[in-house]
Amino acid sequence: MSDNFRILRHEEFEEGCKATCNGPYDGKWSKTMVGFGPEDDHFVAELTYNYGVGEYKLGNDFLGITLQSSQAVSNAKRLGWPLNEVGEALYLTQAPGGYPFYLVDKEQPPNDPVQKVCLGVSDLQRSTHYWSTLLGMKVMDKNEEKKTVLMGFADSQCKLELRDIGGMVDHGTAFGRIAFSCPREQLPDIEALMKKENQKILTPLVSLDTPGKATVEVVILADPDGHEICFVGDEAFRQLSMVDPKGNEFLDKAMAEDKSDEWFAKHNKQKTAA
C-alpha cells in the first residue's frame, strides 16, 4: 500500500460514454483512477476530465471524503496547502475544484486509509431504507445529533455516510457517481429488484468498452435523491482495473498534448462553464 494517492491507470476516450460516465457531455474525455492501492481491495477515485468543459457548478450532494493519514496532513503543511482544523486531530481541506477532504491526523491503518465517503440526503430514513434494505448495506452507526448514518458492505472497506441536509439535494453539474463491483450474475437481479420496487434505473444492463482493455457490464441506478450508483460485473472489471505501470506516463503525455485551452483562446472562445 502506498503512503499517498497514486495513479493506478489513465484512459482516453474520443466521445462521450453511453452510460454517461463522464457526465452528460459529448466529446473527448479522459478518466484517471487514483488510490492508495489496487482497485481490487481499495477505495479509488475516478477523476474525469472533459476537454471542452472549463468549470463545474458544485452542489450539496458530495460532502467529502475522509482519510486517515498523518502523512497527508504533513504533506499539506509542507506544501502550504490550506488546512482548517475542525476537530481533534481532524482537518478539512479542499481539492482543486472545491471538493472537500477530511484528514485524520493519525497513522495510516494497515488496510485502506480512505475511511468514508459522505453524501447529502433529504430524508435520512428513506435513504437508509434504500441503501440497507434494497442494496444490502449494513448499518454500522447512527448519530441523531449530526443526523448521519454510517453503513458499509464490510468492516474492512470504505464506508458510506449519509447526512440529512434538511432540504433538497442539488447535484450541480459535476455529476459524480459511486460504484461497486459484484459478481456479473447479480446484475440482472439488481435491475429486476429495482424495477419491482419502482426505483429509478438510469442505465439498464449494458456493455461498456475501453479501447485496448476489457469490456465490462454495468447497471446504473439512482437513489431517492438522485445519487448515481453503478454496479459493475466483477470478473471483467478485475481485468480492466489492473494497475497499469504506465499510468503516470500516459497521464503526463495526455496533459502535455492537451491543447484545448490554446485552441479555445485562438478561436476567441471560452470553455463551457457547465
C-alpha atoms as a PDB file:
ATOM      1  CA  MET A   1       0.000   0.000   0.000  1.00  0.00           C
ATOM      2  CA  SER A   2       1.239   3.492  -0.863  1.00  0.00           C
ATOM      3  CA  ASP A   3       1.685   6.340   1.632  1.00  0.00           C
ATOM      4  CA  ASN A   4      -0.093   8.649  -0.834  1.00  0.00           C
ATOM      5  CA  PHE A   5      -2.740   8.552  -3.516  1.00  0.00           C
ATOM      6  CA  ARG A   6      -1.107   7.321  -6.707  1.00  0.00           C
ATOM      7  CA  ILE A   7      -2.075   6.950 -10.348  1.00  0.00           C
ATOM      8  CA  LEU A   8      -3.458   3.451 -10.941  1.00  0.00           C
ATOM      9  CA  ARG A   9      -4.480   3.830 -14.599  1.00  0.00           C
ATOM     10  CA  HIS A  10      -5.318   6.501 -17.155  1.00  0.00           C
ATOM     11  CA  GLU A  11      -7.592   6.142 -20.193  1.00  0.00           C
ATOM     12  CA  GLU A  12      -8.589   8.441 -23.051  1.00  0.00           C
ATOM     13  CA  PHE A  13     -11.913   8.408 -24.937  1.00  0.00           C
ATOM     14  CA  GLU A  14     -12.784  10.178 -28.179  1.00  0.00           C
ATOM     15  CA  GLU A  15     -16.508  10.554 -27.483  1.00  0.00           C
ATOM     16  CA  GLY A  16     -18.921  10.696 -24.556  1.00  0.00           C
ATOM     17  CA  CYS A  17     -19.707   7.492 -22.645  1.00  0.00           C
ATOM     18  CA  LYS A  18     -23.052   5.819 -23.460  1.00  0.00           C
ATOM     19  CA  ALA A  19     -23.552   5.306 -19.717  1.00  0.00           C
ATOM     20  CA  THR A  20     -22.671   9.000 -19.067  1.00  0.00           C
ATOM     21  CA  CYS A  21     -19.542   8.003 -17.098  1.00  0.00           C
ATOM     22  CA  ASN A  22     -18.187  11.486 -17.893  1.00  0.00           C
ATOM     23  CA  GLY A  23     -21.483  13.231 -17.136  1.00  0.00           C
ATOM     24  CA  PRO A  24     -23.992  14.259 -19.828  1.00  0.00           C
ATOM     25  CA  TYR A  25     -21.243  15.638 -22.064  1.00  0.00           C
ATOM     26  CA  ASP A  26     -20.302  14.730 -25.615  1.00  0.00           C
ATOM     27  CA  GLY A  27     -16.820  14.932 -26.989  1.00  0.00           C
ATOM     28  CA  LYS A  28     -13.357  13.864 -25.921  1.00  0.00           C
ATOM     29  CA  TRP A  29     -12.768  12.990 -22.275  1.00  0.00           C
ATOM     30  CA  SER A  30     -10.431  11.023 -20.023  1.00  0.00           C
ATOM     31  CA  LYS A  31     -10.515   9.224 -16.715  1.00  0.00           C
ATOM     32  CA  THR A  32      -7.745   8.730 -14.191  1.00  0.00           C
ATOM     33  CA  MET A  33      -8.077   6.261 -11.330  1.00  0.00           C
ATOM     34  CA  VAL A  34      -6.237   7.228  -8.137  1.00  0.00           C
ATOM     35  CA  GLY A  35      -5.991   5.417  -4.821  1.00  0.00           C
ATOM     36  CA  PHE A  36      -3.722   4.117  -2.062  1.00  0.00           C
ATOM     37  CA  GLY A  37      -3.617   0.666  -3.661  1.00  0.00           C
ATOM     38  CA  PRO A  38      -5.176  -1.613  -6.308  1.00  0.00           C
ATOM     39  CA  GLU A  39      -8.880  -1.265  -7.098  1.00  0.00           C
ATOM     40  CA  ASP A  40      -9.495  -4.865  -6.016  1.00  0.00           C
ATOM     41  CA  ASP A  41      -9.168  -4.008  -2.331  1.00  0.00           C
ATOM     42  CA  HIS A  42      -9.054  -0.212  -2.025  1.00  0.00           C
ATOM     43  CA  PHE A  43     -11.442   2.677  -2.474  1.00  0.00           C
ATOM     44  CA  VAL A  44     -10.342   4.635  -5.536  1.00  0.00           C
ATOM     45  CA  ALA A  45     -11.425   7.948  -7.021  1.00  0.00           C
ATOM     46  CA  GLU A  46     -12.193   8.277 -10.723  1.00  0.00           C
ATOM     47  CA  LEU A  47     -11.188  11.724 -11.950  1.00  0.00           C
ATOM     48  CA  THR A  48     -12.959  12.586 -15.200  1.00  0.00           C
ATOM     49  CA  TYR A  49     -11.797  15.377 -17.458  1.00  0.00           C
ATOM     50  CA  ASN A  50     -14.000  16.724 -20.245  1.00  0.00           C
ATOM     51  CA  TYR A  51     -11.738  18.547 -22.683  1.00  0.00           C
ATOM     52  CA  GLY A  52     -14.371  21.136 -23.587  1.00  0.00           C
ATOM     53  CA  VAL A  53     -15.567  21.974 -20.062  1.00  0.00           C
ATOM     54  CA  GLY A  54     -13.681  24.593 -18.073  1.00  0.00           C
ATOM     55  CA  GLU A  55     -15.710  24.783 -14.874  1.00  0.00           C
ATOM     56  CA  TYR A  56     -18.397  22.901 -12.961  1.00  0.00           C
ATOM     57  CA  LYS A  57     -21.024  24.152 -10.537  1.00  0.00           C
ATOM     58  CA  LEU A  58     -20.822  22.229  -7.279  1.00  0.00           C
ATOM     59  CA  GLY A  59     -23.941  21.166  -5.411  1.00  0.00           C
ATOM     60  CA  ASN A  60     -24.573  19.925  -1.881  1.00  0.00           C
ATOM     61  CA  ASP A  61     -24.631  16.251  -2.844  1.00  0.00           C
ATOM     62  CA  PHE A  62     -20.986  15.284  -2.231  1.00  0.00           C
ATOM     63  CA  LEU A  63     -19.988  16.242   1.320  1.00  0.00           C
ATOM     64  CA  GLY A  64     -16.471  14.871   1.422  1.00  0.00           C
ATOM     65  CA  ILE A  65     -14.007  12.007   1.629  1.00  0.00           C
ATOM     66  CA  THR A  66     -12.377  11.192   4.980  1.00  0.00           C
ATOM     67  CA  LEU A  67      -8.952   9.576   5.033  1.00  0.00           C
ATOM     68  CA  GLN A  68      -6.714   8.666   7.956  1.00  0.00           C
ATOM     69  CA  SER A  69      -3.134   9.668   7.246  1.00  0.00           C
ATOM     70  CA  SER A  70      -0.770  11.804   9.291  1.00  0.00           C
ATOM     71  CA  GLN A  71       1.430  11.719   6.181  1.00  0.00           C
ATOM     72  CA  ALA A  72      -1.286  13.549   4.203  1.00  0.00           C
ATOM     73  CA  VAL A  73      -1.510  16.207   6.937  1.00  0.00           C
ATOM     74  CA  SER A  74       2.264  16.708   6.988  1.00  0.00           C
ATOM     75  CA  ASN A  75       2.329  16.817   3.164  1.00  0.00           C
ATOM     76  CA  ALA A  76      -0.306  19.572   3.146  1.00  0.00           C
ATOM     77  CA  LYS A  77       1.553  21.588   5.769  1.00  0.00           C
ATOM     78  CA  ARG A  78       4.859  21.193   3.934  1.00  0.00           C
ATOM     79  CA  LEU A  79       3.313  22.337   0.648  1.00  0.00           C
ATOM     80  CA  GLY A  80       1.430  25.233   2.242  1.00  0.00           C
ATOM     81  CA  TRP A  81      -1.927  23.732   1.256  1.00  0.00           C
ATOM     82  CA  PRO A  82      -4.784  25.354   3.249  1.00  0.00           C
ATOM     83  CA  LEU A  83      -5.901  23.262   6.240  1.00  0.00           C
ATOM     84  CA  ASN A  84      -8.721  24.095   8.634  1.00  0.00           C
ATOM     85  CA  GLU A  85      -8.733  22.252  11.962  1.00  0.00           C
ATOM     86  CA  VAL A  86     -12.359  21.244  12.574  1.00  0.00           C
ATOM     87  CA  GLY A  87     -11.930  18.744  15.402  1.00  0.00           C
ATOM     88  CA  GLU A  88      -9.437  16.810  17.471  1.00  0.00           C
ATOM     89  CA  ALA A  89      -6.770  15.559  15.021  1.00  0.00           C
ATOM     90  CA  LEU A  90      -9.183  16.352  12.164  1.00  0.00           C
ATOM     91  CA  TYR A  91      -8.533  18.787   9.326  1.00  0.00           C
ATOM     92  CA  LEU A  92     -10.700  19.961   6.444  1.00  0.00           C
ATOM     93  CA  THR A  93      -9.101  20.826   3.130  1.00  0.00           C
ATOM     94  CA  GLN A  94     -10.266  21.240  -0.440  1.00  0.00           C
ATOM     95  CA  ALA A  95      -9.010  19.623  -3.604  1.00  0.00           C
ATOM     96  CA  PRO A  96      -8.843  21.753  -6.780  1.00  0.00           C
ATOM     97  CA  GLY A  97     -12.409  22.461  -7.869  1.00  0.00           C
ATOM     98  CA  GLY A  98     -13.618  22.775  -4.274  1.00  0.00           C
ATOM     99  CA  TYR A  99     -14.117  19.117  -3.352  1.00  0.00           C
ATOM    100  CA  PRO A 100     -13.851  18.630   0.456  1.00  0.00           C
ATOM    101  CA  PHE A 101     -11.420  16.189   2.051  1.00  0.00           C
ATOM    102  CA  TYR A 102     -11.249  15.443   5.777  1.00  0.00           C
ATOM    103  CA  LEU A 103      -7.823  14.344   7.003  1.00  0.00           C
ATOM    104  CA  VAL A 104      -7.485  12.418  10.266  1.00  0.00           C
ATOM    105  CA  ASP A 105      -4.050  13.142  11.719  1.00  0.00           C
ATOM    106  CA  LYS A 106      -3.280   9.574  12.788  1.00  0.00           C
ATOM    107  CA  GLU A 107      -1.059   6.819  11.470  1.00  0.00           C
ATOM    108  CA  GLN A 108      -2.397   5.109   8.362  1.00  0.00           C
ATOM    109  CA  PRO A 109      -4.318   1.899   9.107  1.00  0.00           C
ATOM    110  CA  PRO A 110      -2.941  -1.376   7.695  1.00  0.00           C
ATOM    111  CA  ASN A 111      -5.767  -1.554   5.153  1.00  0.00           C
ATOM    112  CA  ASP A 112      -7.234   1.305   3.116  1.00  0.00           C
ATOM    113  CA  PRO A 113      -6.659   4.812   4.621  1.00  0.00           C
ATOM    114  CA  VAL A 114      -9.895   6.044   2.973  1.00  0.00           C
ATOM    115  CA  GLN A 115     -12.387   5.764   5.833  1.00  0.00           C
ATOM    116  CA  LYS A 116     -15.654   7.029   4.391  1.00  0.00           C
ATOM    117  CA  VAL A 117     -17.452   8.969   1.662  1.00  0.00           C
ATOM    118  CA  CYS A 118     -20.243  11.302   2.767  1.00  0.00           C
ATOM    119  CA  LEU A 119     -23.338  12.079   0.682  1.00  0.00           C
ATOM    120  CA  GLY A 120     -26.081  14.583   1.453  1.00  0.00           C
ATOM    121  CA  VAL A 121     -29.676  13.296   1.578  1.00  0.00           C
ATOM    122  CA  SER A 122     -33.041  14.973   2.054  1.00  0.00           C
ATOM    123  CA  ASP A 123     -34.754  12.198   4.039  1.00  0.00           C
ATOM    124  CA  LEU A 124     -32.394  10.088   6.149  1.00  0.00           C
ATOM    125  CA  GLN A 125     -34.912   7.344   6.931  1.00  0.00           C
ATOM    126  CA  ARG A 126     -35.895   6.918   3.278  1.00  0.00           C
ATOM    127  CA  SER A 127     -32.282   6.844   2.110  1.00  0.00           C
ATOM    128  CA  THR A 128     -31.232   4.409   4.848  1.00  0.00           C
ATOM    129  CA  HIS A 129     -34.017   2.072   3.739  1.00  0.00           C
ATOM    130  CA  TYR A 130     -32.872   2.275   0.124  1.00  0.00           C
ATOM    131  CA  TRP A 131     -29.179   1.634   0.793  1.00  0.00           C
ATOM    132  CA  SER A 132     -29.646  -1.016   3.509  1.00  0.00           C
ATOM    133  CA  THR A 133     -32.855  -2.867   2.648  1.00  0.00           C
ATOM    134  CA  LEU A 134     -32.640  -2.701  -1.152  1.00  0.00           C
ATOM    135  CA  LEU A 135     -28.879  -2.569  -1.776  1.00  0.00           C
ATOM    136  CA  GLY A 136     -27.857  -4.702   1.192  1.00  0.00           C
ATOM    137  CA  MET A 137     -25.517  -2.392   3.092  1.00  0.00           C
ATOM    138  CA  LYS A 138     -25.128  -2.954   6.835  1.00  0.00           C
ATOM    139  CA  VAL A 139     -25.928  -0.031   9.157  1.00  0.00           C
ATOM    140  CA  MET A 140     -22.884   0.395  11.408  1.00  0.00           C
ATOM    141  CA  ASP A 141     -23.592   3.606  13.290  1.00  0.00           C
ATOM    142  CA  LYS A 142     -26.275   6.271  13.714  1.00  0.00           C
ATOM    143  CA  ASN A 143     -25.757   9.763  15.086  1.00  0.00           C
ATOM    144  CA  GLU A 144     -29.025  11.571  15.732  1.00  0.00           C
ATOM    145  CA  GLU A 145     -27.288  14.799  16.753  1.00  0.00           C
ATOM    146  CA  LYS A 146     -25.340  15.018  13.488  1.00  0.00           C
ATOM    147  CA  LYS A 147     -28.207  13.416  11.528  1.00  0.00           C
ATOM    148  CA  THR A 148     -25.912  10.824   9.988  1.00  0.00           C
ATOM    149  CA  VAL A 149     -25.970   7.098   9.294  1.00  0.00           C
ATOM    150  CA  LEU A 150     -22.781   5.138   8.616  1.00  0.00           C
ATOM    151  CA  MET A 151     -23.042   1.950   6.581  1.00  0.00           C
ATOM    152  CA  GLY A 152     -20.977  -0.435   4.506  1.00  0.00           C
ATOM    153  CA  PHE A 153     -20.758  -3.834   2.855  1.00  0.00           C
ATOM    154  CA  ALA A 154     -17.825  -4.969   5.043  1.00  0.00           C
ATOM    155  CA  ASP A 155     -15.955  -3.708   8.102  1.00  0.00           C
ATOM    156  CA  SER A 156     -12.644  -3.665   6.204  1.00  0.00           C
ATOM    157  CA  GLN A 157     -13.940  -1.486   3.355  1.00  0.00           C
ATOM    158  CA  CYS A 158     -14.504   2.234   2.943  1.00  0.00           C
ATOM    159  CA  LYS A 159     -17.858   3.221   4.487  1.00  0.00           C
ATOM    160  CA  LEU A 160     -20.711   5.317   3.141  1.00  0.00           C
ATOM    161  CA  GLU A 161     -22.036   8.088   5.389  1.00  0.00           C
ATOM    162  CA  LEU A 162     -25.427   9.637   4.677  1.00  0.00           C
ATOM    163  CA  ARG A 163     -26.077  13.063   6.181  1.00  0.00           C
ATOM    164  CA  ASP A 164     -29.508  14.687   6.309  1.00  0.00           C
ATOM    165  CA  ILE A 165     -29.038  18.213   4.934  1.00  0.00           C
ATOM    166  CA  GLY A 166     -32.571  19.313   5.796  1.00  0.00           C
ATOM    167  CA  GLY A 167     -33.583  20.201   2.259  1.00  0.00           C
ATOM    168  CA  MET A 168     -33.391  19.273  -1.394  1.00  0.00           C
ATOM    169  CA  VAL A 169     -30.203  17.746  -2.786  1.00  0.00           C
ATOM    170  CA  ASP A 170     -28.582  19.803  -5.548  1.00  0.00           C
ATOM    171  CA  HIS A 171     -26.219  17.824  -7.786  1.00  0.00           C
ATOM    172  CA  GLY A 172     -24.766  20.841  -9.551  1.00  0.00           C
ATOM    173  CA  THR A 173     -23.191  19.999 -12.912  1.00  0.00           C
ATOM    174  CA  ALA A 174     -20.306  17.706 -11.933  1.00  0.00           C
ATOM    175  CA  PHE A 175     -22.461  14.537 -11.951  1.00  0.00           C
ATOM    176  CA  GLY A 176     -20.393  12.231  -9.754  1.00  0.00           C
ATOM    177  CA  ARG A 177     -21.398   8.655  -9.011  1.00  0.00           C
ATOM    178  CA  ILE A 178     -20.393   5.887  -6.640  1.00  0.00           C
ATOM    179  CA  ALA A 179     -19.515   2.441  -7.978  1.00  0.00           C
ATOM    180  CA  PHE A 180     -19.349  -1.099  -6.614  1.00  0.00           C
ATOM    181  CA  SER A 181     -18.238  -4.335  -8.219  1.00  0.00           C
ATOM    182  CA  CYS A 182     -20.251  -7.521  -7.769  1.00  0.00           C
ATOM    183  CA  PRO A 183     -20.458 -10.929  -9.477  1.00  0.00           C
ATOM    184  CA  ARG A 184     -21.709 -10.384 -13.013  1.00  0.00           C
ATOM    185  CA  GLU A 185     -24.571 -12.849 -12.466  1.00  0.00           C
ATOM    186  CA  GLN A 186     -26.075 -10.495  -9.857  1.00  0.00           C
ATOM    187  CA  LEU A 187     -26.516  -7.569 -12.284  1.00  0.00           C
ATOM    188  CA  PRO A 188     -29.845  -8.755 -13.819  1.00  0.00           C
ATOM    189  CA  ASP A 189     -31.167  -9.446 -10.303  1.00  0.00           C
ATOM    190  CA  ILE A 190     -30.277  -5.933  -9.135  1.00  0.00           C
ATOM    191  CA  GLU A 191     -32.049  -4.448 -12.152  1.00  0.00           C
ATOM    192  CA  ALA A 192     -35.107  -6.681 -11.638  1.00  0.00           C
ATOM    193  CA  LEU A 193     -35.348  -5.745  -7.935  1.00  0.00           C
ATOM    194  CA  MET A 194     -35.280  -2.033  -8.727  1.00  0.00           C
ATOM    195  CA  LYS A 195     -37.989  -2.459 -11.363  1.00  0.00           C
ATOM    196  CA  LYS A 196     -40.128  -4.377  -8.879  1.00  0.00           C
ATOM    197  CA  GLU A 197     -39.635  -1.677  -6.230  1.00  0.00           C
ATOM    198  CA  ASN A 198     -40.354   1.116  -8.756  1.00  0.00           C
ATOM    199  CA  GLN A 199     -36.914   2.628  -8.207  1.00  0.00           C
ATOM    200  CA  LYS A 200     -35.059   4.622 -10.847  1.00  0.00           C
ATOM    201  CA  ILE A 201     -32.772   2.782 -13.279  1.00  0.00           C
ATOM    202  CA  LEU A 202     -30.635   5.268 -15.200  1.00  0.00           C
ATOM    203  CA  THR A 203     -28.896   2.713 -17.423  1.00  0.00           C
ATOM    204  CA  PRO A 204     -30.220  -0.862 -17.755  1.00  0.00           C
ATOM    205  CA  LEU A 205     -27.656  -3.645 -18.126  1.00  0.00           C
ATOM    206  CA  VAL A 206     -25.209  -2.554 -20.809  1.00  0.00           C
ATOM    207  CA  SER A 207     -21.683  -3.346 -22.013  1.00  0.00           C
ATOM    208  CA  LEU A 208     -19.035  -0.615 -21.923  1.00  0.00           C
ATOM    209  CA  ASP A 209     -15.863  -0.746 -23.999  1.00  0.00           C
ATOM    210  CA  THR A 210     -12.460   0.640 -23.074  1.00  0.00           C
ATOM    211  CA  PRO A 211     -10.020   0.794 -26.036  1.00  0.00           C
ATOM    212  CA  GLY A 212      -7.456  -1.977 -25.711  1.00  0.00           C
ATOM    213  CA  LYS A 213      -8.907  -3.268 -22.437  1.00  0.00           C
ATOM    214  CA  ALA A 214     -11.685  -5.493 -21.100  1.00  0.00           C
ATOM    215  CA  THR A 215     -15.360  -4.833 -21.836  1.00  0.00           C
ATOM    216  CA  VAL A 216     -17.399  -4.561 -18.639  1.00  0.00           C
ATOM    217  CA  GLU A 217     -21.131  -4.800 -17.951  1.00  0.00           C
ATOM    218  CA  VAL A 218     -22.898  -2.331 -15.694  1.00  0.00           C
ATOM    219  CA  VAL A 219     -26.280  -1.371 -14.266  1.00  0.00           C
ATOM    220  CA  ILE A 220     -26.631   2.240 -13.135  1.00  0.00           C
ATOM    221  CA  LEU A 221     -29.244   3.302 -10.592  1.00  0.00           C
ATOM    222  CA  ALA A 222     -30.327   6.496  -8.849  1.00  0.00           C
ATOM    223  CA  ASP A 223     -31.273   6.604  -5.165  1.00  0.00           C
ATOM    224  CA  PRO A 224     -34.238   8.697  -3.917  1.00  0.00           C
ATOM    225  CA  ASP A 225     -32.105  11.880  -4.051  1.00  0.00           C
ATOM    226  CA  GLY A 226     -30.663  11.162  -7.476  1.00  0.00           C
ATOM    227  CA  HIS A 227     -27.253   9.934  -6.309  1.00  0.00           C
ATOM    228  CA  GLU A 228     -25.960   7.771  -9.143  1.00  0.00           C
ATOM    229  CA  ILE A 229     -24.878   4.227  -8.260  1.00  0.00           C
ATOM    230  CA  CYS A 230     -23.043   1.938 -10.672  1.00  0.00           C
ATOM    231  CA  PHE A 231     -22.809  -1.831 -10.210  1.00  0.00           C
ATOM    232  CA  VAL A 232     -20.186  -3.418 -12.449  1.00  0.00           C
ATOM    233  CA  GLY A 233     -19.559  -7.099 -13.161  1.00  0.00           C
ATOM    234  CA  ASP A 234     -16.527  -8.060 -11.108  1.00  0.00           C
ATOM    235  CA  GLU A 235     -14.973 -10.692 -13.360  1.00  0.00           C
ATOM    236  CA  ALA A 236     -14.320  -8.371 -16.319  1.00  0.00           C
ATOM    237  CA  PHE A 237     -13.726  -5.393 -14.044  1.00  0.00           C
ATOM    238  CA  ARG A 238     -10.784  -7.196 -12.405  1.00  0.00           C
ATOM    239  CA  GLN A 239      -9.143  -7.299 -15.828  1.00  0.00           C
ATOM    240  CA  LEU A 240     -10.000  -3.681 -16.656  1.00  0.00           C
ATOM    241  CA  SER A 241      -8.889  -2.364 -13.275  1.00  0.00           C
ATOM    242  CA  MET A 242      -5.437  -3.898 -13.086  1.00  0.00           C
ATOM    243  CA  VAL A 243      -2.824  -1.337 -12.080  1.00  0.00           C
ATOM    244  CA  ASP A 244      -1.147  -0.012 -15.220  1.00  0.00           C
ATOM    245  CA  PRO A 245       2.573   0.574 -14.611  1.00  0.00           C
ATOM    246  CA  LYS A 246       2.455   3.154 -17.431  1.00  0.00           C
ATOM    247  CA  GLY A 247      -0.492   5.045 -15.923  1.00  0.00           C
ATOM    248  CA  ASN A 248       1.655   8.007 -14.861  1.00  0.00           C
ATOM    249  CA  GLU A 249       3.354   8.112 -18.239  1.00  0.00           C
ATOM    250  CA  PHE A 250       0.018   8.093 -20.113  1.00  0.00           C
ATOM    251  CA  LEU A 251      -1.361  10.862 -17.890  1.00  0.00           C
ATOM    252  CA  ASP A 252       1.748  13.028 -18.331  1.00  0.00           C
ATOM    253  CA  LYS A 253       1.571  12.520 -22.107  1.00  0.00           C
ATOM    254  CA  ALA A 254      -2.141  13.422 -22.222  1.00  0.00           C
ATOM    255  CA  MET A 255      -1.580  16.591 -20.189  1.00  0.00           C
ATOM    256  CA  ALA A 256       1.357  17.623 -22.392  1.00  0.00           C
ATOM    257  CA  GLU A 257      -0.721  17.066 -25.539  1.00  0.00           C
ATOM    258  CA  ASP A 258      -3.846  18.796 -24.221  1.00  0.00           C
ATOM    259  CA  LYS A 259      -4.005  21.948 -26.331  1.00  0.00           C
ATOM    260  CA  SER A 260      -7.677  22.605 -25.614  1.00  0.00           C
ATOM    261  CA  ASP A 261      -7.013  25.857 -23.716  1.00  0.00           C
ATOM    262  CA  GLU A 262      -4.866  27.122 -26.590  1.00  0.00           C
ATOM    263  CA  TRP A 263      -7.492  26.120 -29.164  1.00  0.00           C
ATOM    264  CA  PHE A 264     -10.266  27.984 -27.367  1.00  0.00           C
ATOM    265  CA  ALA A 265      -8.045  31.067 -26.936  1.00  0.00           C
ATOM    266  CA  LYS A 266      -7.009  31.011 -30.601  1.00  0.00           C
ATOM    267  CA  HIS A 267     -10.656  30.930 -31.699  1.00  0.00           C
ATOM    268  CA  ASN A 268     -11.550  33.666 -29.209  1.00  0.00           C
ATOM    269  CA  LYS A 269     -13.824  31.313 -27.314  1.00  0.00           C
ATOM    270  CA  GLN A 270     -14.100  30.086 -23.755  1.00  0.00           C
ATOM    271  CA  LYS A 271     -14.560  26.572 -22.468  1.00  0.00           C
ATOM    272  CA  THR A 272     -18.091  25.792 -21.342  1.00  0.00           C
ATOM    273  CA  ALA A 273     -18.950  26.547 -17.732  1.00  0.00           C
ATOM    274  CA  ALA A 274     -21.162  23.520 -17.093  1.00  0.00           C
END
